[in-house]
Amino acid sequence: MRSIKEMLASEGAVLNGHFKLASGLHGAKFLSCAKVVSEPSHAEKIIKELAKQFHSERIDFVLGVNEAGAILAHGVARELDTRFVLARASESGFSFARGFSVTSGSNVLIIDDVTTTGGTVLKLVDLCRKVDANVIGVGLVATKGLRELNVGCRVAILAKLDDFDAWPPESCPLCKKGIPLNG
């Protein structure tokens, strides 16, 4: 059975070019987890691996965001026999999607696809804590290895990718060469 890292590489999820990442940083590589989870058998493998990391925890809600993160979070919620909650990006960070919420004192597991700086995860943790929910863990498919993720709870990462660079736009070598951003 292939590792998650091998699956990401072999399924064309690693795109080369010049990208503006969700963090605002620029990178020469982009990881499209949505491309991998579009194949149901790959999504199922990732979901089972993430769920296995937290199977002994009492979880009331599994929170997901964006395309791949929401697909994975929904699957993990199914595996753990609990509820799925959706968050959306908003002007002020993140909010629960219309019709979704968590309750005060509930235990929340955050699932996301990939992180560069941890910014999205930190905002999701903050969203949960604003309503007095307990974030008991974070499950990630991959981290680009640029930073340790310390969010005050257990973080499970299925693949650590070390060959992804990211730069602030003002010091991006691709910008300096005049290479346009990919769409």
Protein backbone atom coordinates (compact mmCIF):
# COMPACT_ATOMS: atom_id res chain seq x y z
CA MET A 1 0.00 0.00 0.00
CA ARG A 2 1.37 3.41 -1.00
CA SER A 3 2.10 6.03 1.63
CA ILE A 4 0.16 9.29 1.63
CA LYS A 5 3.31 11.10 0.49
CA GLU A 6 3.71 8.72 -2.46
CA MET A 7 0.03 9.11 -3.33
CA LEU A 8 0.29 12.90 -3.39
CA ALA A 9 3.32 12.74 -5.69
CA SER A 10 2.00 10.10 -8.07
CA GLU A 11 -1.50 11.56 -8.51
CA GLY A 12 -0.31 14.88 -9.89
CA ALA A 13 -1.24 16.81 -6.75
CA VAL A 14 2.07 18.68 -6.73
CA LEU A 15 1.89 21.52 -9.24
CA ASN A 16 4.93 23.52 -10.33
CA GLY A 17 4.82 27.20 -11.23
CA HIS A 18 4.45 30.46 -9.30
CA PHE A 19 1.61 30.44 -6.79
CA LYS A 20 0.08 32.76 -4.22
CA LEU A 21 -0.65 30.47 -1.28
CA ALA A 22 -3.55 30.82 1.19
CA SER A 23 -1.03 32.24 3.67
CA GLY A 24 -0.26 35.10 1.28
CA LEU A 25 3.24 33.72 0.71
CA HIS A 26 4.45 32.82 -2.76
CA GLY A 27 5.73 29.38 -3.71
CA ALA A 28 7.13 27.49 -6.69
CA LYS A 29 5.01 24.45 -5.81
CA PHE A 30 1.35 24.06 -4.94
CA LEU A 31 -0.20 21.00 -3.34
CA SER A 32 -3.71 20.31 -4.64
CA CYS A 33 -5.20 17.85 -2.18
CA ALA A 34 -8.56 18.37 -3.92
CA LYS A 35 -7.06 16.62 -6.94
CA VAL A 36 -6.19 13.56 -4.83
CA VAL A 37 -9.51 13.35 -2.98
CA SER A 38 -11.41 13.56 -6.28
CA GLU A 39 -10.54 9.83 -6.54
CA PRO A 40 -12.84 8.23 -3.93
CA SER A 41 -10.44 5.39 -3.07
CA HIS A 42 -7.68 7.91 -2.30
CA ALA A 43 -10.05 10.04 -0.23
CA GLU A 44 -11.11 6.93 1.68
CA LYS A 45 -7.51 5.99 2.51
CA ILE A 46 -6.74 9.49 3.79
CA ILE A 47 -10.01 9.64 5.77
CA LYS A 48 -9.34 6.30 7.46
CA GLU A 49 -5.78 7.34 8.36
CA LEU A 50 -6.96 10.64 9.86
CA ALA A 51 -9.81 8.98 11.78
CA LYS A 52 -7.43 6.34 13.16
CA GLN A 53 -5.34 9.10 14.74
CA PHE A 54 -8.29 10.24 16.88
CA HIS A 55 -10.44 7.12 17.31
CA SER A 56 -9.97 7.01 21.10
CA GLU A 57 -11.02 10.64 21.66
CA ARG A 58 -14.55 11.78 22.52
CA ILE A 59 -15.41 14.01 19.58
CA ASP A 60 -18.71 15.85 19.19
CA PHE A 61 -17.96 17.66 15.92
CA VAL A 62 -15.45 17.39 13.08
CA LEU A 63 -14.80 20.80 11.52
CA GLY A 64 -13.67 21.22 7.91
CA VAL A 65 -13.06 24.15 5.59
CA ASN A 66 -12.50 24.66 1.87
CA GLU A 67 -12.84 21.99 -0.80
CA ALA A 68 -10.56 19.13 0.23
CA GLY A 69 -10.70 19.91 3.95
CA ALA A 70 -14.50 19.73 3.98
CA ILE A 71 -14.57 16.46 2.01
CA LEU A 72 -12.05 14.92 4.39
CA ALA A 73 -13.72 16.28 7.54
CA HIS A 74 -17.08 14.90 6.45
CA GLY A 75 -15.52 11.47 5.89
CA VAL A 76 -13.72 11.55 9.24
CA ALA A 77 -16.98 12.49 10.97
CA ARG A 78 -18.63 9.48 9.30
CA GLU A 79 -15.78 7.17 10.41
CA LEU A 80 -15.96 8.48 13.99
CA ASP A 81 -19.78 8.41 14.02
CA THR A 82 -20.17 12.08 14.90
CA ARG A 83 -21.34 15.34 13.32
CA PHE A 84 -19.65 17.34 10.57
CA VAL A 85 -19.45 21.14 10.75
CA LEU A 86 -18.44 23.44 7.88
CA ALA A 87 -16.54 26.72 8.17
CA ARG A 88 -16.09 29.30 5.44
CA ALA A 89 -13.59 32.08 4.89
CA SER A 90 -15.01 35.50 5.69
CA GLU A 91 -13.74 39.07 5.74
CA SER A 92 -12.68 38.72 9.37
CA GLY A 93 -11.16 35.24 9.13
CA PHE A 94 -13.48 32.25 9.35
CA SER A 95 -17.07 31.72 10.40
CA PHE A 96 -19.37 28.74 10.58
CA ALA A 97 -21.24 28.24 7.34
CA ARG A 98 -24.94 29.08 7.45
CA GLY A 99 -26.78 26.41 9.42
CA PHE A 100 -23.64 25.03 11.08
CA SER A 101 -22.38 25.62 14.62
CA VAL A 102 -20.76 23.91 17.58
CA THR A 103 -21.94 24.14 21.17
CA SER A 104 -20.17 25.51 24.21
CA GLY A 105 -18.20 22.75 25.92
CA SER A 106 -18.26 20.46 22.89
CA ASN A 107 -15.15 18.63 21.70
CA VAL A 108 -14.08 19.57 18.18
CA LEU A 109 -11.62 17.90 15.85
CA ILE A 110 -10.32 20.14 13.05
CA ILE A 111 -9.44 18.47 9.76
CA ASP A 112 -7.66 20.29 6.94
CA ASP A 113 -5.70 19.24 3.90
CA VAL A 114 -2.39 21.09 3.92
CA THR A 115 -0.70 23.90 5.82
CA THR A 116 2.20 26.18 5.02
CA THR A 117 2.24 28.49 8.05
CA GLY A 118 -0.61 27.10 10.15
CA GLY A 119 -2.65 30.28 9.66
CA THR A 120 -5.89 28.58 8.64
CA VAL A 121 -5.67 26.08 11.50
CA LEU A 122 -5.00 28.86 14.02
CA LYS A 123 -8.05 30.78 12.76
CA LEU A 124 -10.23 27.67 13.00
CA VAL A 125 -9.01 27.02 16.56
CA ASP A 126 -9.85 30.64 17.40
CA LEU A 127 -13.33 30.26 15.85
CA CYS A 128 -14.02 27.25 18.09
CA ARG A 129 -12.65 28.88 21.21
CA LYS A 130 -14.83 31.98 20.66
CA VAL A 131 -17.86 29.77 21.32
CA ASP A 132 -16.13 27.98 24.22
CA ALA A 133 -15.68 24.71 22.34
CA ASN A 134 -12.71 22.47 23.16
CA VAL A 135 -10.37 21.79 20.26
CA ILE A 136 -9.10 18.31 21.07
CA GLY A 137 -7.02 17.82 17.94
CA VAL A 138 -6.04 18.82 14.44
CA GLY A 139 -5.61 16.33 11.62
CA LEU A 140 -3.71 17.37 8.51
CA VAL A 141 -2.95 15.47 5.34
CA ALA A 142 0.33 17.34 4.90
CA THR A 143 2.51 20.14 6.13
CA LYS A 144 5.03 21.72 3.86
CA GLY A 145 7.58 21.44 6.66
CA LEU A 146 8.09 25.17 6.96
CA ARG A 147 7.06 25.45 10.60
CA GLU A 148 6.10 23.45 13.65
CA LEU A 149 2.41 23.76 14.35
CA ASN A 150 1.69 24.57 18.00
CA VAL A 151 -2.02 25.15 18.56
CA GLY A 152 -2.41 23.90 22.13
CA CYS A 153 -3.69 20.44 21.24
CA ARG A 154 -2.53 17.28 19.53
CA VAL A 155 -1.69 17.67 15.83
CA ALA A 156 -1.55 14.60 13.58
CA ILE A 157 0.18 15.07 10.23
CA LEU A 158 0.08 12.24 7.70
CA ALA A 159 2.87 13.54 5.43
CA LYS A 160 5.66 16.05 5.97
CA LEU A 161 6.79 17.59 2.70
CA ASP A 162 10.21 19.16 2.99
CA ASP A 163 10.84 20.36 -0.55
CA PHE A 164 8.29 23.19 -0.65
CA ASP A 165 9.65 26.73 -0.40
CA ALA A 166 7.57 29.80 0.39
CA TRP A 167 8.52 33.47 0.42
CA PRO A 168 6.92 36.79 1.31
CA PRO A 169 5.90 38.47 -1.98
CA GLU A 170 8.50 41.23 -1.55
CA SER A 171 11.36 38.69 -1.43
CA CYS A 172 9.95 36.11 -3.86
CA PRO A 173 12.68 35.12 -6.36
CA LEU A 174 10.02 34.26 -8.96
CA CYS A 175 8.54 37.75 -8.74
CA LYS A 176 12.03 39.22 -9.05
CA LYS A 177 12.49 37.22 -12.27
CA GLY A 178 9.19 38.59 -13.60
CA ILE A 179 7.46 35.20 -13.62
CA PRO A 180 3.69 35.80 -13.39
CA LEU A 181 1.52 34.08 -10.80
CA ASN A 182 -0.40 31.03 -11.94
CA GLY A 183 -4.18 31.46 -12.03
